[in-house]
PDB file of all heavy atoms in Angstrom:
ATOM      1  N   PRO A   1       2.312   1.672  16.735  1.00  0.00           N
ATOM      2  CA  PRO A   1       0.998   1.041  16.579  1.00  0.00           C
ATOM      3  C   PRO A   1       0.619   0.914  15.105  1.00  0.00           C
ATOM      4  O   PRO A   1       0.454   1.925  14.424  1.00  0.00           O
ATOM      5  CB  PRO A   1       0.049   1.992  17.334  1.00  0.00           C
ATOM      6  CG  PRO A   1       0.922   2.812  18.217  1.00  0.00           C
ATOM      7  CD  PRO A   1       2.253   2.896  17.520  1.00  0.00           C
ATOM      8  N   ASN A   2       0.566  -0.342  14.624  1.00  0.00           N
ATOM      9  CA  ASN A   2       0.239  -0.658  13.224  1.00  0.00           C
ATOM     10  C   ASN A   2       1.113   0.104  12.221  1.00  0.00           C
ATOM     11  O   ASN A   2       0.665   0.508  11.166  1.00  0.00           O
ATOM     12  CB  ASN A   2      -1.244  -0.396  12.930  1.00  0.00           C
ATOM     13  CG  ASN A   2      -2.106  -1.443  13.619  1.00  0.00           C
ATOM     14  OD1 ASN A   2      -1.671  -2.574  13.841  1.00  0.00           O
ATOM     15  ND2 ASN A   2      -3.313  -1.067  13.969  1.00  0.00           N
ATOM     16  N   LYS A   3       2.391   0.298  12.579  1.00  0.00           N
ATOM     17  CA  LYS A   3       3.337   0.992  11.695  1.00  0.00           C
ATOM     18  C   LYS A   3       4.542   0.087  11.476  1.00  0.00           C
ATOM     19  O   LYS A   3       5.226  -0.300  12.424  1.00  0.00           O
ATOM     20  CB  LYS A   3       3.763   2.304  12.333  1.00  0.00           C
ATOM     21  CG  LYS A   3       4.352   3.247  11.317  1.00  0.00           C
ATOM     22  CD  LYS A   3       4.538   4.640  11.878  1.00  0.00           C
ATOM     23  CE  LYS A   3       5.148   5.477  10.759  1.00  0.00           C
ATOM     24  NZ  LYS A   3       6.078   6.428  11.107  1.00  0.00           N
ATOM     25  N   CYS A   4       4.757  -0.279  10.196  1.00  0.00           N
ATOM     26  CA  CYS A   4       5.860  -1.183   9.855  1.00  0.00           C
ATOM     27  C   CYS A   4       7.008  -0.417   9.221  1.00  0.00           C
ATOM     28  O   CYS A   4       6.802   0.518   8.473  1.00  0.00           O
ATOM     29  CB  CYS A   4       5.393  -2.231   8.838  1.00  0.00           C
ATOM     30  SG  CYS A   4       4.174  -3.375   9.485  1.00  0.00           S
ATOM     31  N   LYS A   5       8.234  -0.876   9.530  1.00  0.00           N
ATOM     32  CA  LYS A   5       9.427  -0.374   8.841  1.00  0.00           C
ATOM     33  C   LYS A   5       9.921  -1.545   8.008  1.00  0.00           C
ATOM     34  O   LYS A   5      10.301  -2.584   8.555  1.00  0.00           O
ATOM     35  CB  LYS A   5      10.476   0.072   9.855  1.00  0.00           C
ATOM     36  CG  LYS A   5      11.709   0.656   9.188  1.00  0.00           C
ATOM     37  CD  LYS A   5      12.728   1.088  10.243  1.00  0.00           C
ATOM     38  CE  LYS A   5      13.965   1.632   9.552  1.00  0.00           C
ATOM     39  NZ  LYS A   5      15.184   1.059  10.093  1.00  0.00           N
ATOM     40  N   CYS A   6       9.841  -1.398   6.673  1.00  0.00           N
ATOM     41  CA  CYS A   6      10.150  -2.515   5.781  1.00  0.00           C
ATOM     42  C   CYS A   6      11.645  -2.736   5.625  1.00  0.00           C
ATOM     43  O   CYS A   6      12.428  -1.792   5.630  1.00  0.00           O
ATOM     44  CB  CYS A   6       9.534  -2.280   4.408  1.00  0.00           C
ATOM     45  SG  CYS A   6       7.734  -2.117   4.456  1.00  0.00           S
ATOM     46  N   PHE A   7      12.019  -4.010   5.472  1.00  0.00           N
ATOM     47  CA  PHE A   7      13.397  -4.344   5.143  1.00  0.00           C
ATOM     48  C   PHE A   7      13.658  -3.852   3.720  1.00  0.00           C
ATOM     49  O   PHE A   7      12.711  -3.726   2.933  1.00  0.00           O
ATOM     50  CB  PHE A   7      13.621  -5.860   5.214  1.00  0.00           C
ATOM     51  CG  PHE A   7      13.416  -6.456   6.577  1.00  0.00           C
ATOM     52  CD1 PHE A   7      12.801  -7.697   6.715  1.00  0.00           C
ATOM     53  CD2 PHE A   7      13.825  -5.793   7.730  1.00  0.00           C
ATOM     54  CE1 PHE A   7      12.596  -8.255   7.966  1.00  0.00           C
ATOM     55  CE2 PHE A   7      13.626  -6.350   8.984  1.00  0.00           C
ATOM     56  CZ  PHE A   7      13.013  -7.579   9.110  1.00  0.00           C
ATOM     57  N   PRO A   8      14.932  -3.588   3.364  1.00  0.00           N
ATOM     58  CA  PRO A   8      15.212  -3.125   1.997  1.00  0.00           C
ATOM     59  C   PRO A   8      14.653  -4.099   0.958  1.00  0.00           C
ATOM     60  O   PRO A   8      14.748  -5.315   1.127  1.00  0.00           O
ATOM     61  CB  PRO A   8      16.742  -3.090   1.927  1.00  0.00           C
ATOM     62  CG  PRO A   8      17.196  -3.012   3.344  1.00  0.00           C
ATOM     63  CD  PRO A   8      16.149  -3.715   4.154  1.00  0.00           C
ATOM     64  N   GLY A   9      14.028  -3.556  -0.066  1.00  0.00           N
ATOM     65  CA  GLY A   9      13.491  -4.399  -1.140  1.00  0.00           C
ATOM     66  C   GLY A   9      12.025  -4.730  -0.984  1.00  0.00           C
ATOM     67  O   GLY A   9      11.451  -5.402  -1.834  1.00  0.00           O
ATOM     68  N   PHE A  10      11.390  -4.249   0.124  1.00  0.00           N
ATOM     69  CA  PHE A  10       9.975  -4.543   0.348  1.00  0.00           C
ATOM     70  C   PHE A  10       9.199  -3.273   0.651  1.00  0.00           C
ATOM     71  O   PHE A  10       9.754  -2.286   1.107  1.00  0.00           O
ATOM     72  CB  PHE A  10       9.799  -5.566   1.482  1.00  0.00           C
ATOM     73  CG  PHE A  10      10.356  -6.906   1.137  1.00  0.00           C
ATOM     74  CD1 PHE A  10      11.632  -7.264   1.540  1.00  0.00           C
ATOM     75  CD2 PHE A  10       9.627  -7.791   0.364  1.00  0.00           C
ATOM     76  CE1 PHE A  10      12.165  -8.495   1.182  1.00  0.00           C
ATOM     77  CE2 PHE A  10      10.152  -9.020   0.010  1.00  0.00           C
ATOM     78  CZ  PHE A  10      11.417  -9.372   0.411  1.00  0.00           C
ATOM     79  N   THR A  11       7.890  -3.320   0.378  1.00  0.00           N
ATOM     80  CA  THR A  11       7.050  -2.141   0.561  1.00  0.00           C
ATOM     81  C   THR A  11       5.638  -2.573   0.957  1.00  0.00           C
ATOM     82  O   THR A  11       5.355  -3.767   1.049  1.00  0.00           O
ATOM     83  CB  THR A  11       7.044  -1.295  -0.743  1.00  0.00           C
ATOM     84  OG1 THR A  11       6.302  -0.099  -0.509  1.00  0.00           O
ATOM     85  CG2 THR A  11       6.410  -2.045  -1.908  1.00  0.00           C
ATOM     86  N   GLY A  12       4.760  -1.613   1.164  1.00  0.00           N
ATOM     87  CA  GLY A  12       3.371  -1.897   1.543  1.00  0.00           C
ATOM     88  C   GLY A  12       3.148  -1.675   3.024  1.00  0.00           C
ATOM     89  O   GLY A  12       4.095  -1.613   3.805  1.00  0.00           O
ATOM     90  N   LYS A  13       1.870  -1.559   3.415  1.00  0.00           N
ATOM     91  CA  LYS A  13       1.509  -1.288   4.810  1.00  0.00           C
ATOM     92  C   LYS A  13       2.017  -2.371   5.753  1.00  0.00           C
ATOM     93  O   LYS A  13       2.435  -2.102   6.869  1.00  0.00           O
ATOM     94  CB  LYS A  13      -0.018  -1.167   4.898  1.00  0.00           C
ATOM     95  CG  LYS A  13      -0.493  -0.359   6.101  1.00  0.00           C
ATOM     96  CD  LYS A  13      -1.974  -0.080   6.013  1.00  0.00           C
ATOM     97  CE  LYS A  13      -2.593   0.233   7.356  1.00  0.00           C
ATOM     98  NZ  LYS A  13      -2.274   1.518   7.912  1.00  0.00           N
ATOM     99  N   THR A  14       1.994  -3.630   5.281  1.00  0.00           N
ATOM    100  CA  THR A  14       2.479  -4.735   6.125  1.00  0.00           C
ATOM    101  C   THR A  14       3.784  -5.312   5.577  1.00  0.00           C
ATOM    102  O   THR A  14       4.171  -6.411   5.938  1.00  0.00           O
ATOM    103  CB  THR A  14       1.409  -5.846   6.227  1.00  0.00           C
ATOM    104  OG1 THR A  14       1.130  -6.327   4.911  1.00  0.00           O
ATOM    105  CG2 THR A  14       0.131  -5.364   6.874  1.00  0.00           C
ATOM    106  N   CYS A  15       4.452  -4.570   4.702  1.00  0.00           N
ATOM    107  CA  CYS A  15       5.730  -4.982   4.099  1.00  0.00           C
ATOM    108  C   CYS A  15       5.634  -6.346   3.426  1.00  0.00           C
ATOM    109  O   CYS A  15       6.563  -7.141   3.464  1.00  0.00           O
ATOM    110  CB  CYS A  15       6.853  -5.013   5.147  1.00  0.00           C
ATOM    111  SG  CYS A  15       7.124  -3.429   5.943  1.00  0.00           S
ATOM    112  N   ASN A  16       4.485  -6.619   2.806  1.00  0.00           N
ATOM    113  CA  ASN A  16       4.278  -7.933   2.187  1.00  0.00           C
ATOM    114  C   ASN A  16       4.483  -7.892   0.678  1.00  0.00           C
ATOM    115  O   ASN A  16       4.357  -8.898   0.014  1.00  0.00           O
ATOM    116  CB  ASN A  16       2.878  -8.473   2.519  1.00  0.00           C
ATOM    117  CG  ASN A  16       1.776  -7.601   1.944  1.00  0.00           C
ATOM    118  OD1 ASN A  16       1.989  -6.424   1.647  1.00  0.00           O
ATOM    119  ND2 ASN A  16       0.600  -8.151   1.781  1.00  0.00           N
ATOM    120  N   GLN A  17       4.787  -6.699   0.145  1.00  0.00           N
ATOM    121  CA  GLN A  17       4.951  -6.583  -1.307  1.00  0.00           C
ATOM    122  C   GLN A  17       6.412  -6.371  -1.671  1.00  0.00           C
ATOM    123  O   GLN A  17       7.125  -5.637  -0.991  1.00  0.00           O
ATOM    124  CB  GLN A  17       4.150  -5.381  -1.841  1.00  0.00           C
ATOM    125  CG  GLN A  17       2.660  -5.534  -1.688  1.00  0.00           C
ATOM    126  CD  GLN A  17       1.946  -4.186  -1.778  1.00  0.00           C
ATOM    127  OE1 GLN A  17       2.569  -3.149  -1.948  1.00  0.00           O
ATOM    128  NE2 GLN A  17       0.639  -4.213  -1.640  1.00  0.00           N
ATOM    129  N   ASP A  18       6.810  -7.021  -2.751  1.00  0.00           N
ATOM    130  CA  ASP A  18       8.166  -6.851  -3.269  1.00  0.00           C
ATOM    131  C   ASP A  18       8.260  -5.475  -3.920  1.00  0.00           C
ATOM    132  O   ASP A  18       7.378  -5.075  -4.667  1.00  0.00           O
ATOM    133  CB  ASP A  18       8.443  -7.957  -4.297  1.00  0.00           C
ATOM    134  CG  ASP A  18       9.726  -7.720  -5.053  1.00  0.00           C
ATOM    135  OD1 ASP A  18      10.769  -7.605  -4.395  1.00  0.00           O
ATOM    136  OD2 ASP A  18       9.688  -7.630  -6.293  1.00  0.00           O
ATOM    137  N   LEU A  19       9.331  -4.744  -3.619  1.00  0.00           N
ATOM    138  CA  LEU A  19       9.550  -3.428  -4.225  1.00  0.00           C
ATOM    139  C   LEU A  19      10.233  -3.642  -5.576  1.00  0.00           C
ATOM    140  O   LEU A  19      11.237  -4.339  -5.654  1.00  0.00           O
ATOM    141  CB  LEU A  19      10.445  -2.574  -3.315  1.00  0.00           C
ATOM    142  CG  LEU A  19      10.891  -1.211  -3.844  1.00  0.00           C
ATOM    143  CD1 LEU A  19       9.730  -0.245  -3.925  1.00  0.00           C
ATOM    144  CD2 LEU A  19      11.977  -0.634  -2.956  1.00  0.00           C
ATOM    145  N   ASN A  20       9.673  -3.073  -6.629  1.00  0.00           N
ATOM    146  CA  ASN A  20      10.290  -3.201  -7.948  1.00  0.00           C
ATOM    147  C   ASN A  20      11.337  -2.094  -8.109  1.00  0.00           C
ATOM    148  O   ASN A  20      11.028  -0.992  -8.540  1.00  0.00           O
ATOM    149  CB  ASN A  20       9.229  -3.114  -9.046  1.00  0.00           C
ATOM    150  CG  ASN A  20       9.832  -3.278 -10.432  1.00  0.00           C
ATOM    151  OD1 ASN A  20      11.036  -3.480 -10.581  1.00  0.00           O
ATOM    152  ND2 ASN A  20       8.997  -3.187 -11.451  1.00  0.00           N
ATOM    153  N   GLU A  21      12.588  -2.433  -7.722  1.00  0.00           N
ATOM    154  CA  GLU A  21      13.664  -1.437  -7.771  1.00  0.00           C
ATOM    155  C   GLU A  21      13.928  -0.957  -9.192  1.00  0.00           C
ATOM    156  O   GLU A  21      14.435   0.148  -9.398  1.00  0.00           O
ATOM    157  CB  GLU A  21      14.976  -2.020  -7.208  1.00  0.00           C
ATOM    158  CG  GLU A  21      14.959  -2.313  -5.727  1.00  0.00           C
ATOM    159  CD  GLU A  21      14.438  -3.702  -5.389  1.00  0.00           C
ATOM    160  OE1 GLU A  21      13.913  -4.417  -6.295  1.00  0.00           O
ATOM    161  OE2 GLU A  21      14.538  -4.091  -4.228  1.00  0.00           O
ATOM    162  N   CYS A  22      13.590  -1.789 -10.191  1.00  0.00           N
ATOM    163  CA  CYS A  22      13.840  -1.429 -11.590  1.00  0.00           C
ATOM    164  C   CYS A  22      12.994  -0.233 -12.012  1.00  0.00           C
ATOM    165  O   CYS A  22      13.329   0.460 -12.965  1.00  0.00           O
ATOM    166  CB  CYS A  22      13.563  -2.629 -12.497  1.00  0.00           C
ATOM    167  SG  CYS A  22      14.658  -4.021 -12.142  1.00  0.00           S
ATOM    168  N   GLY A  23      11.897   0.027 -11.312  1.00  0.00           N
ATOM    169  CA  GLY A  23      11.016   1.147 -11.642  1.00  0.00           C
ATOM    170  C   GLY A  23      11.366   2.425 -10.900  1.00  0.00           C
ATOM    171  O   GLY A  23      10.721   3.454 -11.088  1.00  0.00           O
ATOM    172  N   LEU A  24      12.386   2.377 -10.025  1.00  0.00           N
ATOM    173  CA  LEU A  24      12.750   3.556  -9.235  1.00  0.00           C
ATOM    174  C   LEU A  24      13.488   4.589 -10.086  1.00  0.00           C
ATOM    175  O   LEU A  24      14.109   4.261 -11.085  1.00  0.00           O
ATOM    176  CB  LEU A  24      13.653   3.154  -8.049  1.00  0.00           C
ATOM    177  CG  LEU A  24      13.060   2.239  -6.979  1.00  0.00           C
ATOM    178  CD1 LEU A  24      14.126   1.866  -5.969  1.00  0.00           C
ATOM    179  CD2 LEU A  24      11.899   2.914  -6.256  1.00  0.00           C
ATOM    180  N   LYS A  25      13.393   5.847  -9.660  1.00  0.00           N
ATOM    181  CA  LYS A  25      14.161   6.935 -10.281  1.00  0.00           C
ATOM    182  C   LYS A  25      15.135   7.444  -9.230  1.00  0.00           C
ATOM    183  O   LYS A  25      14.714   7.700  -8.114  1.00  0.00           O
ATOM    184  CB  LYS A  25      13.217   8.081 -10.700  1.00  0.00           C
ATOM    185  CG  LYS A  25      12.183   7.670 -11.743  1.00  0.00           C
ATOM    186  CD  LYS A  25      12.678   7.926 -13.156  1.00  0.00           C
ATOM    187  CE  LYS A  25      11.621   7.723 -14.208  1.00  0.00           C
ATOM    188  NZ  LYS A  25      11.360   6.400 -14.654  1.00  0.00           N
ATOM    189  N   PRO A  26      16.420   7.624  -9.488  1.00  0.00           N
ATOM    190  CA  PRO A  26      17.104   7.199 -10.710  1.00  0.00           C
ATOM    191  C   PRO A  26      17.169   5.666 -10.809  1.00  0.00           C
ATOM    192  O   PRO A  26      17.160   4.984  -9.789  1.00  0.00           O
ATOM    193  CB  PRO A  26      18.512   7.802 -10.543  1.00  0.00           C
ATOM    194  CG  PRO A  26      18.710   7.891  -9.066  1.00  0.00           C
ATOM    195  CD  PRO A  26      17.345   8.161  -8.480  1.00  0.00           C
ATOM    196  N   ARG A  27      17.228   5.153 -12.029  1.00  0.00           N
ATOM    197  CA  ARG A  27      17.261   3.710 -12.231  1.00  0.00           C
ATOM    198  C   ARG A  27      18.543   3.127 -11.637  1.00  0.00           C
ATOM    199  O   ARG A  27      19.613   3.694 -11.795  1.00  0.00           O
ATOM    200  CB  ARG A  27      17.171   3.398 -13.729  1.00  0.00           C
ATOM    201  CG  ARG A  27      15.796   3.728 -14.289  1.00  0.00           C
ATOM    202  CD  ARG A  27      15.626   3.293 -15.719  1.00  0.00           C
ATOM    203  NE  ARG A  27      15.768   1.841 -15.837  1.00  0.00           N
ATOM    204  CZ  ARG A  27      16.503   1.245 -16.767  1.00  0.00           C
ATOM    205  NH1 ARG A  27      17.165   1.962 -17.648  1.00  0.00           N
ATOM    206  NH2 ARG A  27      16.569  -0.056 -16.825  1.00  0.00           N
ATOM    207  N   PRO A  28      18.435   1.977 -10.954  1.00  0.00           N
ATOM    208  CA  PRO A  28      19.635   1.427 -10.307  1.00  0.00           C
ATOM    209  C   PRO A  28      20.639   0.807 -11.284  1.00  0.00           C
ATOM    210  O   PRO A  28      21.791   0.619 -10.942  1.00  0.00           O
ATOM    211  CB  PRO A  28      19.065   0.361  -9.368  1.00  0.00           C
ATOM    212  CG  PRO A  28      17.760  -0.024  -9.962  1.00  0.00           C
ATOM    213  CD  PRO A  28      17.238   1.171 -10.686  1.00  0.00           C
ATOM    214  N   CYS A  29      20.195   0.493 -12.499  1.00  0.00           N
ATOM    215  CA  CYS A  29      21.084  -0.136 -13.483  1.00  0.00           C
ATOM    216  C   CYS A  29      21.197   0.751 -14.715  1.00  0.00           C
ATOM    217  O   CYS A  29      20.230   1.389 -15.116  1.00  0.00           O
ATOM    218  CB  CYS A  29      20.546  -1.498 -13.917  1.00  0.00           C
ATOM    219  SG  CYS A  29      20.246  -2.640 -12.549  1.00  0.00           S
ATOM    220  N   GLU A  30      22.376   0.733 -15.322  1.00  0.00           N
ATOM    221  CA  GLU A  30      22.589   1.575 -16.503  1.00  0.00           C
ATOM    222  C   GLU A  30      21.860   1.027 -17.728  1.00  0.00           C
ATOM    223  O   GLU A  30      21.230   1.774 -18.462  1.00  0.00           O
ATOM    224  CB  GLU A  30      24.087   1.687 -16.786  1.00  0.00           C
ATOM    225  CG  GLU A  30      24.390   2.716 -17.852  1.00  0.00           C
ATOM    226  CD  GLU A  30      25.877   2.847 -18.172  1.00  0.00           C
ATOM    227  OE1 GLU A  30      26.703   2.130 -17.561  1.00  0.00           O
ATOM    228  OE2 GLU A  30      26.194   3.651 -19.033  1.00  0.00           O
ATOM    229  N   HIS A  31      21.924  -0.300 -17.956  1.00  0.00           N
ATOM    230  CA  HIS A  31      21.304  -0.874 -19.144  1.00  0.00           C
ATOM    231  C   HIS A  31      20.015  -1.613 -18.809  1.00  0.00           C
ATOM    232  O   HIS A  31      18.944  -1.064 -18.928  1.00  0.00           O
ATOM    233  CB  HIS A  31      22.277  -1.837 -19.846  1.00  0.00           C
ATOM    234  CG  HIS A  31      23.329  -1.135 -20.647  1.00  0.00           C
ATOM    235  ND1 HIS A  31      24.195  -1.795 -21.464  1.00  0.00           N
ATOM    236  CD2 HIS A  31      23.651   0.189 -20.744  1.00  0.00           C
ATOM    237  CE1 HIS A  31      25.013  -0.921 -22.045  1.00  0.00           C
ATOM    238  NE2 HIS A  31      24.702   0.282 -21.608  1.00  0.00           N
ATOM    239  N   ARG A  32      20.157  -2.856 -18.376  1.00  0.00           N
ATOM    240  CA  ARG A  32      18.970  -3.659 -18.099  1.00  0.00           C
ATOM    241  C   ARG A  32      18.890  -4.021 -16.630  1.00  0.00           C
ATOM    242  O   ARG A  32      19.906  -4.194 -15.967  1.00  0.00           O
ATOM    243  CB  ARG A  32      19.009  -4.945 -18.939  1.00  0.00           C
ATOM    244  CG  ARG A  32      18.742  -4.685 -20.399  1.00  0.00           C
ATOM    245  CD  ARG A  32      18.796  -5.975 -21.153  1.00  0.00           C
ATOM    246  NE  ARG A  32      18.448  -5.807 -22.545  1.00  0.00           N
ATOM    247  CZ  ARG A  32      18.683  -6.720 -23.474  1.00  0.00           C
ATOM    248  NH1 ARG A  32      19.267  -7.845 -23.158  1.00  0.00           N
ATOM    249  NH2 ARG A  32      18.338  -6.519 -24.722  1.00  0.00           N
ATOM    250  N   CYS A  33      17.654  -4.166 -16.185  1.00  0.00           N
ATOM    251  CA  CYS A  33      17.412  -4.450 -14.767  1.00  0.00           C
ATOM    252  C   CYS A  33      16.423  -5.607 -14.666  1.00  0.00           C
ATOM    253  O   CYS A  33      15.451  -5.664 -15.409  1.00  0.00           O
ATOM    254  CB  CYS A  33      16.829  -3.191 -14.126  1.00  0.00           C
ATOM    255  SG  CYS A  33      16.497  -3.334 -12.370  1.00  0.00           S
ATOM    256  N   MET A  34      16.697  -6.557 -13.760  1.00  0.00           N
ATOM    257  CA  MET A  34      15.747  -7.655 -13.522  1.00  0.00           C
ATOM    258  C   MET A  34      15.333  -7.618 -12.055  1.00  0.00           C
ATOM    259  O   MET A  34      16.185  -7.709 -11.166  1.00  0.00           O
ATOM    260  CB  MET A  34      16.401  -9.015 -13.837  1.00  0.00           C
ATOM    261  CG  MET A  34      15.439 -10.184 -13.627  1.00  0.00           C
ATOM    262  SD  MET A  34      16.288 -11.761 -13.732  1.00  0.00           S
ATOM    263  CE  MET A  34      15.452 -12.487 -15.131  1.00  0.00           C
ATOM    264  N   ASN A  35      14.041  -7.443 -11.818  1.00  0.00           N
ATOM    265  CA  ASN A  35      13.543  -7.423 -10.449  1.00  0.00           C
ATOM    266  C   ASN A  35      13.528  -8.843  -9.904  1.00  0.00           C
ATOM    267  O   ASN A  35      13.155  -9.775 -10.584  1.00  0.00           O
ATOM    268  CB  ASN A  35      12.125  -6.830 -10.414  1.00  0.00           C
ATOM    269  CG  ASN A  35      11.627  -6.637  -8.995  1.00  0.00           C
ATOM    270  OD1 ASN A  35      12.323  -6.099  -8.153  1.00  0.00           O
ATOM    271  ND2 ASN A  35      10.424  -7.093  -8.722  1.00  0.00           N
ATOM    272  N   THR A  36      13.983  -9.015  -8.658  1.00  0.00           N
ATOM    273  CA  THR A  36      13.937 -10.323  -7.990  1.00  0.00           C
ATOM    274  C   THR A  36      13.224 -10.131  -6.660  1.00  0.00           C
ATOM    275  O   THR A  36      12.990  -9.002  -6.231  1.00  0.00           O
ATOM    276  CB  THR A  36      15.358 -10.885  -7.736  1.00  0.00           C
ATOM    277  OG1 THR A  36      16.056  -9.980  -6.867  1.00  0.00           O
ATOM    278  CG2 THR A  36      16.144 -11.061  -9.030  1.00  0.00           C
ATOM    279  N   HIS A  37      12.891 -11.220  -5.975  1.00  0.00           N
ATOM    280  CA  HIS A  37      12.174 -11.141  -4.699  1.00  0.00           C
ATOM    281  C   HIS A  37      13.059 -10.452  -3.657  1.00  0.00           C
ATOM    282  O   HIS A  37      14.072 -11.002  -3.249  1.00  0.00           O
ATOM    283  CB  HIS A  37      11.795 -12.553  -4.245  1.00  0.00           C
ATOM    284  CG  HIS A  37      10.933 -12.571  -3.021  1.00  0.00           C
ATOM    285  ND1 HIS A  37       9.642 -12.089  -3.012  1.00  0.00           N
ATOM    286  CD2 HIS A  37      11.171 -13.003  -1.758  1.00  0.00           C
ATOM    287  CE1 HIS A  37       9.144 -12.228  -1.804  1.00  0.00           C
ATOM    288  NE2 HIS A  37      10.043 -12.777  -1.026  1.00  0.00           N
ATOM    289  N   GLY A  38      12.693  -9.219  -3.294  1.00  0.00           N
ATOM    290  CA  GLY A  38      13.429  -8.474  -2.261  1.00  0.00           C
ATOM    291  C   GLY A  38      14.696  -7.806  -2.762  1.00  0.00           C
ATOM    292  O   GLY A  38      15.423  -7.208  -1.987  1.00  0.00           O
ATOM    293  N   SER A  39      14.982  -7.914  -4.065  1.00  0.00           N
ATOM    294  CA  SER A  39      16.207  -7.326  -4.577  1.00  0.00           C
ATOM    295  C   SER A  39      16.090  -7.093  -6.089  1.00  0.00           C
ATOM    296  O   SER A  39      14.989  -7.037  -6.625  1.00  0.00           O
ATOM    297  CB  SER A  39      17.388  -8.249  -4.257  1.00  0.00           C
ATOM    298  OG  SER A  39      18.607  -7.610  -4.579  1.00  0.00           O
ATOM    299  N   TYR A  40      17.237  -6.972  -6.773  1.00  0.00           N
ATOM    300  CA  TYR A  40      17.267  -6.804  -8.218  1.00  0.00           C
ATOM    301  C   TYR A  40      18.651  -7.169  -8.732  1.00  0.00           C
ATOM    302  O   TYR A  40      19.603  -7.262  -7.955  1.00  0.00           O
ATOM    303  CB  TYR A  40      16.920  -5.362  -8.611  1.00  0.00           C
ATOM    304  CG  TYR A  40      17.956  -4.341  -8.175  1.00  0.00           C
ATOM    305  CD1 TYR A  40      18.947  -3.903  -9.061  1.00  0.00           C
ATOM    306  CD2 TYR A  40      17.958  -3.827  -6.884  1.00  0.00           C
ATOM    307  CE1 TYR A  40      19.911  -2.993  -8.658  1.00  0.00           C
ATOM    308  CE2 TYR A  40      18.913  -2.917  -6.475  1.00  0.00           C
ATOM    309  CZ  TYR A  40      19.893  -2.495  -7.359  1.00  0.00           C
ATOM    310  OH  TYR A  40      20.847  -1.595  -6.958  1.00  0.00           O
ATOM    311  N   LYS A  41      18.768  -7.374 -10.046  1.00  0.00           N
ATOM    312  CA  LYS A  41      20.066  -7.669 -10.662  1.00  0.00           C
ATOM    313  C   LYS A  41      20.227  -6.764 -11.873  1.00  0.00           C
ATOM    314  O   LYS A  41      19.275  -6.524 -12.612  1.00  0.00           O
ATOM    315  CB  LYS A  41      20.109  -9.123 -11.152  1.00  0.00           C
ATOM    316  CG  LYS A  41      20.161 -10.158 -10.017  1.00  0.00           C
ATOM    317  CD  LYS A  41      21.580 -10.531  -9.671  1.00  0.00           C
ATOM    318  CE  LYS A  41      21.656 -11.332  -8.395  1.00  0.00           C
ATOM    319  NZ  LYS A  41      21.762 -12.716  -8.530  1.00  0.00           N
ATOM    320  N   CYS A  42      21.457  -6.275 -12.082  1.00  0.00           N
ATOM    321  CA  CYS A  42      21.764  -5.481 -13.266  1.00  0.00           C
ATOM    322  C   CYS A  42      22.461  -6.369 -14.287  1.00  0.00           C
ATOM    323  O   CYS A  42      23.225  -7.254 -13.912  1.00  0.00           O
ATOM    324  CB  CYS A  42      22.729  -4.346 -12.916  1.00  0.00           C
ATOM    325  SG  CYS A  42      22.054  -3.129 -11.765  1.00  0.00           S
ATOM    326  N   TYR A  43      22.191  -6.130 -15.548  1.00  0.00           N
ATOM    327  CA  TYR A  43      22.988  -6.779 -16.585  1.00  0.00           C
ATOM    328  C   TYR A  43      23.063  -5.856 -17.790  1.00  0.00           C
ATOM    329  O   TYR A  43      22.298  -4.908 -17.914  1.00  0.00           O
ATOM    330  CB  TYR A  43      22.485  -8.187 -16.928  1.00  0.00           C
ATOM    331  CG  TYR A  43      21.040  -8.322 -17.293  1.00  0.00           C
ATOM    332  CD1 TYR A  43      20.639  -8.408 -18.619  1.00  0.00           C
ATOM    333  CD2 TYR A  43      20.062  -8.411 -16.302  1.00  0.00           C
ATOM    334  CE1 TYR A  43      19.307  -8.563 -18.954  1.00  0.00           C
ATOM    335  CE2 TYR A  43      18.729  -8.561 -16.634  1.00  0.00           C
ATOM    336  CZ  TYR A  43      18.357  -8.631 -17.967  1.00  0.00           C
ATOM    337  OH  TYR A  43      17.055  -8.775 -18.300  1.00  0.00           O
ATOM    338  N   CYS A  44      24.030  -6.114 -18.649  1.00  0.00           N
ATOM    339  CA  CYS A  44      24.343  -5.192 -19.741  1.00  0.00           C
ATOM    340  C   CYS A  44      23.925  -5.739 -21.088  1.00  0.00           C
ATOM    341  O   CYS A  44      23.756  -6.941 -21.268  1.00  0.00           O
ATOM    342  CB  CYS A  44      25.849  -4.930 -19.765  1.00  0.00           C
ATOM    343  SG  CYS A  44      26.440  -4.201 -18.223  1.00  0.00           S
TER     344      CYS A  44
END
């Protein structure tokens, strides 16, 4: 009841917000990280 399980890369009560993976700890990329809609990209 009014409980959502978000797909990977999304967050919020209704899973309507993009999750900024670049801000997560531990960081997903060693050098630079670019957040994208529902995902992210690493580059050096």
